[in-house]
Amino acid sequence: MYEEAGLSLDASQIPVLENEEVLQSFNSSMDGLSFHEAQSRLTSCGSNAIDDEEEESLFSKFLEQFKEPLIILLLSSAVISVIMGEIADAIGIFIAVTIVNAVGFYQEYKSEKSVEALKSLTAHHCSVIRDNTLQTILAEELVPGDIVPIESGYRTPADIRVLE
């Protein structure tokens, strides 16, 4: 990541370096990065966010419902019912399993959508010093070399090196 920003730094060295060495390694200062340098690093390093997992298809999520042990047991009993000639029982079991799985799938789908909506409502902000000015930005816009002031009660917006 640091190489992408043009920084020659081994991440394992950061905790043992002196403050001035850390600032020098990140081509930064206590005045913070310039706006243009921060934008450049954001472009080269990417945002300060964890990538979301690849979305499963709705069909595969529906099929996941059939992997539950109780559902497998019920489907097995439906197969045994067919073998024993009890077709009506097998159809009844299969319809019940399908309804239960459809309801479970719908509830899971709605809860995932609710969680996504809540995530979008809670954008995390943080304070940062850029161009020798205290600014509030989205935590996703933090880049290597940013100076982040921390006070009691603040959430730490990223992996950071404490300078003072």
N, C-alpha and C. Protein backbone atom coordinates (compact mmCIF):
# COMPACT_ATOMS: atom_id res chain seq x y z
N MET A 1 0.83 -1.20 0.00
CA MET A 1 0.00 0.00 0.00
C MET A 1 0.86 1.25 0.00
N TYR A 2 1.91 1.26 0.81
CA TYR A 2 2.74 2.44 0.92
C TYR A 2 3.52 2.69 -0.37
N GLU A 3 3.89 1.60 -1.06
CA GLU A 3 4.62 1.76 -2.32
C GLU A 3 3.76 2.45 -3.36
N GLU A 4 2.45 2.17 -3.35
CA GLU A 4 1.53 2.80 -4.30
C GLU A 4 1.49 4.31 -4.13
N ALA A 5 1.73 4.78 -2.92
CA ALA A 5 1.71 6.22 -2.65
C ALA A 5 3.10 6.83 -2.82
N GLY A 6 4.05 6.03 -3.29
CA GLY A 6 5.40 6.55 -3.48
C GLY A 6 6.18 6.65 -2.18
N LEU A 7 5.81 5.87 -1.17
CA LEU A 7 6.47 5.91 0.13
C LEU A 7 7.32 4.65 0.28
N SER A 8 8.57 4.84 0.67
CA SER A 8 9.45 3.70 0.88
C SER A 8 9.48 3.40 2.37
N LEU A 9 8.59 2.52 2.80
CA LEU A 9 8.44 2.27 4.22
C LEU A 9 7.96 0.85 4.45
N ASP A 10 8.60 0.17 5.39
CA ASP A 10 8.17 -1.15 5.80
C ASP A 10 7.26 -0.96 7.02
N ALA A 11 6.04 -1.47 6.94
CA ALA A 11 5.06 -1.24 8.01
C ALA A 11 5.53 -1.75 9.36
N SER A 12 6.39 -2.76 9.39
CA SER A 12 6.86 -3.28 10.67
C SER A 12 7.83 -2.32 11.36
N GLN A 13 8.37 -1.35 10.63
CA GLN A 13 9.30 -0.37 11.21
C GLN A 13 8.59 0.78 11.92
N ILE A 14 7.37 1.05 11.57
CA ILE A 14 6.66 2.24 12.07
C ILE A 14 6.65 2.34 13.59
N PRO A 15 6.36 1.28 14.34
CA PRO A 15 6.30 1.44 15.80
C PRO A 15 7.63 1.79 16.46
N VAL A 16 8.75 1.48 15.83
CA VAL A 16 10.05 1.71 16.47
C VAL A 16 10.73 2.99 16.02
N LEU A 17 10.18 3.66 15.03
CA LEU A 17 10.78 4.89 14.54
C LEU A 17 10.44 6.08 15.44
N GLU A 18 11.31 7.06 15.46
CA GLU A 18 11.03 8.32 16.15
C GLU A 18 9.96 9.08 15.37
N ASN A 19 9.28 10.01 16.04
CA ASN A 19 8.21 10.77 15.40
C ASN A 19 8.66 11.46 14.11
N GLU A 20 9.80 12.12 14.16
CA GLU A 20 10.28 12.84 12.98
C GLU A 20 10.58 11.88 11.84
N GLU A 21 11.08 10.69 12.17
CA GLU A 21 11.37 9.70 11.14
C GLU A 21 10.08 9.19 10.49
N VAL A 22 9.05 9.03 11.29
CA VAL A 22 7.76 8.59 10.75
C VAL A 22 7.22 9.65 9.80
N LEU A 23 7.23 10.90 10.25
CA LEU A 23 6.74 11.99 9.40
C LEU A 23 7.53 12.08 8.11
N GLN A 24 8.84 11.94 8.22
CA GLN A 24 9.71 12.00 7.04
C GLN A 24 9.42 10.83 6.10
N SER A 25 9.24 9.64 6.67
CA SER A 25 8.95 8.46 5.85
C SER A 25 7.64 8.60 5.08
N PHE A 26 6.67 9.27 5.69
CA PHE A 26 5.38 9.47 5.04
C PHE A 26 5.32 10.77 4.24
N ASN A 27 6.46 11.45 4.13
CA ASN A 27 6.49 12.76 3.43
C ASN A 27 5.39 13.67 3.96
N SER A 28 5.32 13.75 5.29
CA SER A 28 4.29 14.54 5.95
C SER A 28 4.95 15.45 6.98
N SER A 29 4.13 16.24 7.66
CA SER A 29 4.61 17.10 8.75
C SER A 29 3.47 17.27 9.74
N MET A 30 3.75 17.90 10.86
CA MET A 30 2.71 18.15 11.86
C MET A 30 1.65 19.12 11.33
N ASP A 31 1.95 19.80 10.22
CA ASP A 31 0.97 20.67 9.57
C ASP A 31 0.00 19.88 8.70
N GLY A 32 0.27 18.58 8.55
CA GLY A 32 -0.59 17.72 7.75
C GLY A 32 -0.22 17.76 6.28
N LEU A 33 -0.90 16.95 5.52
CA LEU A 33 -0.68 16.90 4.08
C LEU A 33 -1.39 18.08 3.41
N SER A 34 -0.93 18.42 2.22
CA SER A 34 -1.66 19.42 1.45
C SER A 34 -2.90 18.74 0.85
N PHE A 35 -3.86 19.54 0.46
CA PHE A 35 -5.08 19.01 -0.13
C PHE A 35 -4.75 18.18 -1.37
N HIS A 36 -3.85 18.69 -2.22
CA HIS A 36 -3.50 18.00 -3.47
C HIS A 36 -2.78 16.69 -3.19
N GLU A 37 -1.88 16.68 -2.20
CA GLU A 37 -1.17 15.45 -1.85
C GLU A 37 -2.14 14.42 -1.30
N ALA A 38 -3.08 14.84 -0.47
CA ALA A 38 -4.08 13.92 0.07
C ALA A 38 -4.93 13.31 -1.04
N GLN A 39 -5.34 14.14 -2.00
CA GLN A 39 -6.12 13.64 -3.14
C GLN A 39 -5.30 12.66 -3.97
N SER A 40 -4.04 12.97 -4.16
CA SER A 40 -3.16 12.08 -4.92
C SER A 40 -3.02 10.73 -4.23
N ARG A 41 -2.84 10.74 -2.92
CA ARG A 41 -2.71 9.49 -2.17
C ARG A 41 -4.03 8.72 -2.12
N LEU A 42 -5.12 9.44 -2.07
CA LEU A 42 -6.43 8.77 -2.09
C LEU A 42 -6.61 8.03 -3.42
N THR A 43 -6.17 8.66 -4.49
CA THR A 43 -6.26 8.03 -5.81
C THR A 43 -5.34 6.82 -5.91
N SER A 44 -4.12 6.95 -5.41
CA SER A 44 -3.15 5.86 -5.57
C SER A 44 -3.36 4.74 -4.55
N CYS A 45 -3.76 5.06 -3.33
CA CYS A 45 -3.91 4.03 -2.28
C CYS A 45 -5.33 3.50 -2.16
N GLY A 46 -6.29 4.28 -2.58
CA GLY A 46 -7.68 3.88 -2.42
C GLY A 46 -8.24 4.38 -1.10
N SER A 47 -9.51 4.12 -0.89
CA SER A 47 -10.17 4.64 0.31
C SER A 47 -9.82 3.80 1.53
N ASN A 48 -10.00 4.40 2.70
CA ASN A 48 -9.75 3.77 3.99
C ASN A 48 -11.00 3.00 4.40
N ALA A 49 -11.29 1.94 3.66
CA ALA A 49 -12.51 1.17 3.91
C ALA A 49 -12.24 -0.30 3.61
N ILE A 50 -12.94 -1.14 4.33
CA ILE A 50 -12.85 -2.58 4.08
C ILE A 50 -13.78 -2.89 2.92
N ASP A 51 -13.25 -3.61 1.94
CA ASP A 51 -14.07 -3.97 0.79
C ASP A 51 -15.17 -4.92 1.22
N ASP A 52 -16.36 -4.68 0.68
CA ASP A 52 -17.49 -5.56 0.96
C ASP A 52 -17.27 -6.89 0.25
N GLU A 53 -17.83 -7.94 0.86
CA GLU A 53 -17.75 -9.25 0.24
C GLU A 53 -18.58 -9.26 -1.04
N GLU A 54 -18.20 -10.16 -1.94
CA GLU A 54 -18.95 -10.28 -3.18
C GLU A 54 -20.36 -10.77 -2.86
N GLU A 55 -21.32 -10.15 -3.46
CA GLU A 55 -22.74 -10.45 -3.20
C GLU A 55 -23.10 -11.80 -3.80
N GLU A 56 -23.75 -12.65 -2.99
CA GLU A 56 -24.26 -13.93 -3.48
C GLU A 56 -25.52 -13.68 -4.28
N SER A 57 -25.77 -14.56 -5.25
CA SER A 57 -27.01 -14.43 -6.01
C SER A 57 -28.19 -14.82 -5.12
N LEU A 58 -29.36 -14.31 -5.45
CA LEU A 58 -30.55 -14.63 -4.68
C LEU A 58 -30.85 -16.12 -4.72
N PHE A 59 -30.61 -16.73 -5.88
CA PHE A 59 -30.87 -18.17 -6.02
C PHE A 59 -29.98 -18.98 -5.10
N SER A 60 -28.69 -18.62 -5.01
CA SER A 60 -27.79 -19.38 -4.13
C SER A 60 -28.15 -19.14 -2.66
N LYS A 61 -28.62 -17.95 -2.33
CA LYS A 61 -29.08 -17.70 -0.96
C LYS A 61 -30.31 -18.54 -0.63
N PHE A 62 -31.19 -18.70 -1.62
CA PHE A 62 -32.38 -19.53 -1.41
C PHE A 62 -31.98 -20.99 -1.21
N LEU A 63 -31.02 -21.47 -2.01
CA LEU A 63 -30.57 -22.85 -1.88
C LEU A 63 -29.86 -23.10 -0.55
N GLU A 64 -29.23 -22.06 0.01
CA GLU A 64 -28.58 -22.19 1.32
C GLU A 64 -29.58 -22.59 2.39
N GLN A 65 -30.84 -22.20 2.22
CA GLN A 65 -31.87 -22.53 3.20
C GLN A 65 -32.07 -24.05 3.29
N PHE A 66 -31.79 -24.77 2.20
CA PHE A 66 -32.00 -26.21 2.17
C PHE A 66 -30.86 -26.99 2.82
N LYS A 67 -29.82 -26.32 3.30
CA LYS A 67 -28.68 -27.00 3.91
C LYS A 67 -28.83 -27.17 5.41
N GLU A 68 -29.91 -26.69 5.96
CA GLU A 68 -30.16 -26.84 7.39
C GLU A 68 -30.42 -28.31 7.71
N PRO A 69 -29.88 -28.81 8.83
CA PRO A 69 -30.04 -30.24 9.17
C PRO A 69 -31.51 -30.69 9.26
N LEU A 70 -32.36 -29.87 9.86
CA LEU A 70 -33.77 -30.26 9.98
C LEU A 70 -34.43 -30.34 8.61
N ILE A 71 -34.08 -29.43 7.73
CA ILE A 71 -34.65 -29.44 6.37
C ILE A 71 -34.19 -30.69 5.63
N ILE A 72 -32.92 -31.03 5.77
CA ILE A 72 -32.39 -32.24 5.11
C ILE A 72 -33.11 -33.47 5.65
N LEU A 73 -33.37 -33.51 6.95
CA LEU A 73 -34.10 -34.63 7.56
C LEU A 73 -35.52 -34.73 7.00
N LEU A 74 -36.18 -33.58 6.87
CA LEU A 74 -37.54 -33.59 6.33
C LEU A 74 -37.55 -34.02 4.86
N LEU A 75 -36.59 -33.55 4.07
CA LEU A 75 -36.52 -33.96 2.67
C LEU A 75 -36.22 -35.45 2.55
N SER A 76 -35.39 -35.95 3.45
CA SER A 76 -35.10 -37.40 3.47
C SER A 76 -36.36 -38.18 3.76
N SER A 77 -37.14 -37.70 4.71
CA SER A 77 -38.40 -38.39 5.01
C SER A 77 -39.37 -38.32 3.84
N ALA A 78 -39.33 -37.25 3.07
CA ALA A 78 -40.18 -37.16 1.88
C ALA A 78 -39.75 -38.19 0.84
N VAL A 79 -38.43 -38.37 0.69
CA VAL A 79 -37.93 -39.38 -0.26
C VAL A 79 -38.34 -40.78 0.20
N ILE A 80 -38.21 -41.03 1.49
CA ILE A 80 -38.62 -42.34 2.03
C ILE A 80 -40.12 -42.56 1.82
N SER A 81 -40.89 -41.50 1.98
CA SER A 81 -42.34 -41.60 1.75
C SER A 81 -42.64 -41.97 0.30
N VAL A 82 -41.89 -41.40 -0.64
CA VAL A 82 -42.08 -41.73 -2.06
C VAL A 82 -41.74 -43.19 -2.29
N ILE A 83 -40.62 -43.65 -1.69
CA ILE A 83 -40.20 -45.05 -1.86
C ILE A 83 -41.26 -46.01 -1.31
N MET A 84 -41.89 -45.62 -0.22
CA MET A 84 -42.90 -46.48 0.42
C MET A 84 -44.28 -46.32 -0.23
N GLY A 85 -44.37 -45.45 -1.24
CA GLY A 85 -45.63 -45.30 -1.96
C GLY A 85 -46.58 -44.28 -1.36
N GLU A 86 -46.14 -43.53 -0.38
CA GLU A 86 -46.98 -42.51 0.26
C GLU A 86 -46.74 -41.15 -0.43
N ILE A 87 -47.21 -41.04 -1.63
CA ILE A 87 -46.97 -39.84 -2.46
C ILE A 87 -47.61 -38.60 -1.83
N ALA A 88 -48.79 -38.73 -1.29
CA ALA A 88 -49.48 -37.58 -0.68
C ALA A 88 -48.68 -37.03 0.49
N ASP A 89 -48.12 -37.94 1.32
CA ASP A 89 -47.29 -37.49 2.44
C ASP A 89 -46.03 -36.77 1.95
N ALA A 90 -45.42 -37.34 0.91
CA ALA A 90 -44.20 -36.75 0.36
C ALA A 90 -44.46 -35.35 -0.19
N ILE A 91 -45.59 -35.20 -0.90
CA ILE A 91 -45.95 -33.88 -1.45
C ILE A 91 -46.21 -32.90 -0.32
N GLY A 92 -46.90 -33.33 0.72
CA GLY A 92 -47.19 -32.46 1.86
C GLY A 92 -45.89 -32.01 2.55
N ILE A 93 -44.98 -32.95 2.74
CA ILE A 93 -43.68 -32.60 3.37
C ILE A 93 -42.93 -31.63 2.49
N PHE A 94 -42.89 -31.90 1.19
CA PHE A 94 -42.14 -31.03 0.28
C PHE A 94 -42.74 -29.63 0.24
N ILE A 95 -44.06 -29.52 0.23
CA ILE A 95 -44.71 -28.20 0.23
C ILE A 95 -44.40 -27.46 1.53
N ALA A 96 -44.45 -28.16 2.66
CA ALA A 96 -44.15 -27.52 3.94
C ALA A 96 -42.71 -27.03 3.98
N VAL A 97 -41.77 -27.85 3.50
CA VAL A 97 -40.36 -27.45 3.48
C VAL A 97 -40.17 -26.24 2.57
N THR A 98 -40.81 -26.23 1.43
CA THR A 98 -40.69 -25.10 0.50
C THR A 98 -41.24 -23.82 1.12
N ILE A 99 -42.35 -23.90 1.79
CA ILE A 99 -42.93 -22.71 2.43
C ILE A 99 -42.01 -22.20 3.54
N VAL A 100 -41.52 -23.11 4.38
CA VAL A 100 -40.62 -22.71 5.47
C VAL A 100 -39.36 -22.04 4.92
N ASN A 101 -38.80 -22.64 3.86
CA ASN A 101 -37.59 -22.06 3.27
C ASN A 101 -37.86 -20.72 2.59
N ALA A 102 -39.01 -20.58 1.96
CA ALA A 102 -39.35 -19.31 1.32
C ALA A 102 -39.48 -18.20 2.37
N VAL A 103 -40.14 -18.52 3.48
CA VAL A 103 -40.29 -17.53 4.55
C VAL A 103 -38.93 -17.18 5.15
N GLY A 104 -38.10 -18.20 5.40
CA GLY A 104 -36.76 -17.96 5.94
C GLY A 104 -35.91 -17.13 5.00
N PHE A 105 -35.99 -17.42 3.70
CA PHE A 105 -35.25 -16.65 2.70
C PHE A 105 -35.71 -15.20 2.70
N TYR A 106 -37.01 -14.98 2.72
CA TYR A 106 -37.56 -13.62 2.70
C TYR A 106 -37.10 -12.83 3.93
N GLN A 107 -37.16 -13.45 5.11
CA GLN A 107 -36.74 -12.77 6.33
C GLN A 107 -35.25 -12.43 6.30
N GLU A 108 -34.45 -13.36 5.83
CA GLU A 108 -33.00 -13.11 5.74
C GLU A 108 -32.70 -11.99 4.75
N TYR A 109 -33.40 -12.00 3.62
CA TYR A 109 -33.22 -10.96 2.60
C TYR A 109 -33.57 -9.59 3.15
N LYS A 110 -34.71 -9.49 3.83
CA LYS A 110 -35.14 -8.20 4.39
C LYS A 110 -34.16 -7.72 5.47
N SER A 111 -33.66 -8.63 6.30
CA SER A 111 -32.73 -8.21 7.35
C SER A 111 -31.41 -7.73 6.76
N GLU A 112 -30.93 -8.37 5.69
CA GLU A 112 -29.70 -7.91 5.03
C GLU A 112 -29.89 -6.52 4.44
N LYS A 113 -31.04 -6.29 3.85
CA LYS A 113 -31.32 -4.96 3.28
C LYS A 113 -31.40 -3.91 4.37
N SER A 114 -31.96 -4.27 5.52
CA SER A 114 -32.05 -3.33 6.65
C SER A 114 -30.66 -2.98 7.17
N VAL A 115 -29.79 -3.98 7.27
CA VAL A 115 -28.42 -3.73 7.73
C VAL A 115 -27.69 -2.83 6.75
N GLU A 116 -27.85 -3.07 5.45
CA GLU A 116 -27.22 -2.21 4.44
C GLU A 116 -27.73 -0.77 4.56
N ALA A 117 -29.02 -0.60 4.79
CA ALA A 117 -29.58 0.75 4.93
C ALA A 117 -29.02 1.44 6.16
N LEU A 118 -28.88 0.71 7.26
CA LEU A 118 -28.30 1.30 8.48
C LEU A 118 -26.85 1.69 8.26
N LYS A 119 -26.10 0.87 7.54
CA LYS A 119 -24.69 1.19 7.27
C LYS A 119 -24.58 2.49 6.46
N SER A 120 -25.48 2.68 5.51
CA SER A 120 -25.41 3.88 4.69
C SER A 120 -25.79 5.13 5.47
N LEU A 121 -26.58 4.97 6.53
CA LEU A 121 -26.99 6.12 7.34
C LEU A 121 -25.90 6.58 8.30
N THR A 122 -24.98 5.71 8.64
CA THR A 122 -23.97 6.03 9.64
C THR A 122 -22.60 6.21 9.00
N ALA A 123 -22.42 7.28 8.28
CA ALA A 123 -21.11 7.59 7.71
C ALA A 123 -20.20 8.08 8.83
N HIS A 124 -19.00 7.52 8.90
CA HIS A 124 -18.08 7.88 9.97
C HIS A 124 -17.21 9.06 9.54
N HIS A 125 -17.16 10.06 10.39
CA HIS A 125 -16.34 11.25 10.15
C HIS A 125 -15.18 11.27 11.13
N CYS A 126 -14.15 12.01 10.79
CA CYS A 126 -13.03 12.17 11.71
C CYS A 126 -12.40 13.54 11.48
N SER A 127 -11.63 13.96 12.47
CA SER A 127 -10.89 15.21 12.35
C SER A 127 -9.51 14.88 11.79
N VAL A 128 -9.00 15.77 10.96
CA VAL A 128 -7.69 15.59 10.36
C VAL A 128 -7.07 16.97 10.14
N ILE A 129 -5.75 17.02 10.23
CA ILE A 129 -5.07 18.28 9.93
C ILE A 129 -4.53 18.20 8.51
N ARG A 130 -5.01 19.11 7.68
CA ARG A 130 -4.52 19.22 6.30
C ARG A 130 -4.31 20.70 6.02
N ASP A 131 -3.22 20.98 5.35
CA ASP A 131 -2.87 22.38 5.05
C ASP A 131 -2.86 23.23 6.32
N ASN A 132 -2.39 22.64 7.44
CA ASN A 132 -2.27 23.31 8.73
C ASN A 132 -3.62 23.79 9.26
N THR A 133 -4.70 23.10 8.85
CA THR A 133 -6.05 23.46 9.28
C THR A 133 -6.78 22.21 9.75
N LEU A 134 -7.46 22.31 10.87
CA LEU A 134 -8.26 21.20 11.37
C LEU A 134 -9.52 21.09 10.53
N GLN A 135 -9.73 19.93 9.93
CA GLN A 135 -10.88 19.71 9.06
C GLN A 135 -11.61 18.45 9.50
N THR A 136 -12.87 18.36 9.16
CA THR A 136 -13.64 17.14 9.38
C THR A 136 -13.92 16.52 8.03
N ILE A 137 -13.51 15.25 7.88
CA ILE A 137 -13.70 14.54 6.62
C ILE A 137 -14.32 13.17 6.91
N LEU A 138 -14.74 12.49 5.86
CA LEU A 138 -15.19 11.11 6.00
C LEU A 138 -13.98 10.24 6.33
N ALA A 139 -14.14 9.30 7.23
CA ALA A 139 -13.03 8.42 7.61
C ALA A 139 -12.50 7.64 6.41
N GLU A 140 -13.34 7.40 5.42
CA GLU A 140 -12.90 6.71 4.20
C GLU A 140 -11.87 7.50 3.42
N GLU A 141 -11.80 8.82 3.64
CA GLU A 141 -10.89 9.67 2.88
C GLU A 141 -9.53 9.83 3.54
N LEU A 142 -9.29 9.15 4.67
CA LEU A 142 -7.97 9.19 5.30
C LEU A 142 -6.95 8.49 4.42
N VAL A 143 -5.74 9.02 4.39
CA VAL A 143 -4.66 8.44 3.58
C VAL A 143 -3.40 8.31 4.43
N PRO A 144 -2.45 7.49 4.01
CA PRO A 144 -1.18 7.41 4.74
C PRO A 144 -0.51 8.78 4.80
N GLY A 145 -0.12 9.19 6.00
CA GLY A 145 0.53 10.48 6.19
C GLY A 145 -0.37 11.54 6.78
N ASP A 146 -1.67 11.26 6.87
CA ASP A 146 -2.58 12.23 7.49
C ASP A 146 -2.29 12.35 8.98
N ILE A 147 -2.48 13.54 9.51
CA ILE A 147 -2.33 13.80 10.94
C ILE A 147 -3.73 13.83 11.54
N VAL A 148 -4.00 12.88 12.46
CA VAL A 148 -5.33 12.73 13.04
C VAL A 148 -5.25 13.08 14.53
N PRO A 149 -5.82 14.22 14.94
CA PRO A 149 -5.84 14.53 16.37
C PRO A 149 -6.83 13.63 17.09
N ILE A 150 -6.42 13.14 18.26
CA ILE A 150 -7.28 12.25 19.03
C ILE A 150 -7.47 12.84 20.42
N GLU A 151 -8.72 12.83 20.87
CA GLU A 151 -9.04 13.28 22.22
C GLU A 151 -9.88 12.21 22.88
N SER A 152 -10.05 12.33 24.16
CA SER A 152 -10.84 11.38 24.92
C SER A 152 -12.25 11.30 24.32
N GLY A 153 -12.71 10.08 24.08
CA GLY A 153 -14.04 9.87 23.53
C GLY A 153 -14.07 9.76 22.02
N TYR A 154 -12.97 10.05 21.33
CA TYR A 154 -12.92 9.94 19.87
C TYR A 154 -12.80 8.48 19.47
N ARG A 155 -13.38 8.15 18.34
CA ARG A 155 -13.18 6.83 17.74
C ARG A 155 -11.96 6.92 16.85
N THR A 156 -11.11 5.91 16.90
CA THR A 156 -9.94 5.89 16.04
C THR A 156 -10.39 5.45 14.65
N PRO A 157 -10.20 6.29 13.63
CA PRO A 157 -10.78 6.02 12.31
C PRO A 157 -9.95 5.08 11.44
N ALA A 158 -8.76 4.66 11.90
CA ALA A 158 -7.90 3.81 11.08
C ALA A 158 -6.76 3.29 11.93
N ASP A 159 -5.90 2.48 11.34
CA ASP A 159 -4.66 2.11 12.01
C ASP A 159 -3.77 3.35 11.97
N ILE A 160 -3.41 3.88 13.11
CA ILE A 160 -2.62 5.10 13.12
C ILE A 160 -1.42 4.95 14.03
N ARG A 161 -0.45 5.78 13.85
CA ARG A 161 0.75 5.84 14.71
C ARG A 161 0.59 7.07 15.57
N VAL A 162 0.59 6.90 16.89
CA VAL A 162 0.45 8.02 17.81
C VAL A 162 1.76 8.78 17.86
N LEU A 163 1.70 10.10 17.61
CA LEU A 163 2.91 10.91 17.60
C LEU A 163 3.14 11.61 18.94
N GLU A 164 2.11 12.10 19.57
CA GLU A 164 2.27 12.75 20.88
C GLU A 164 1.05 12.52 21.73
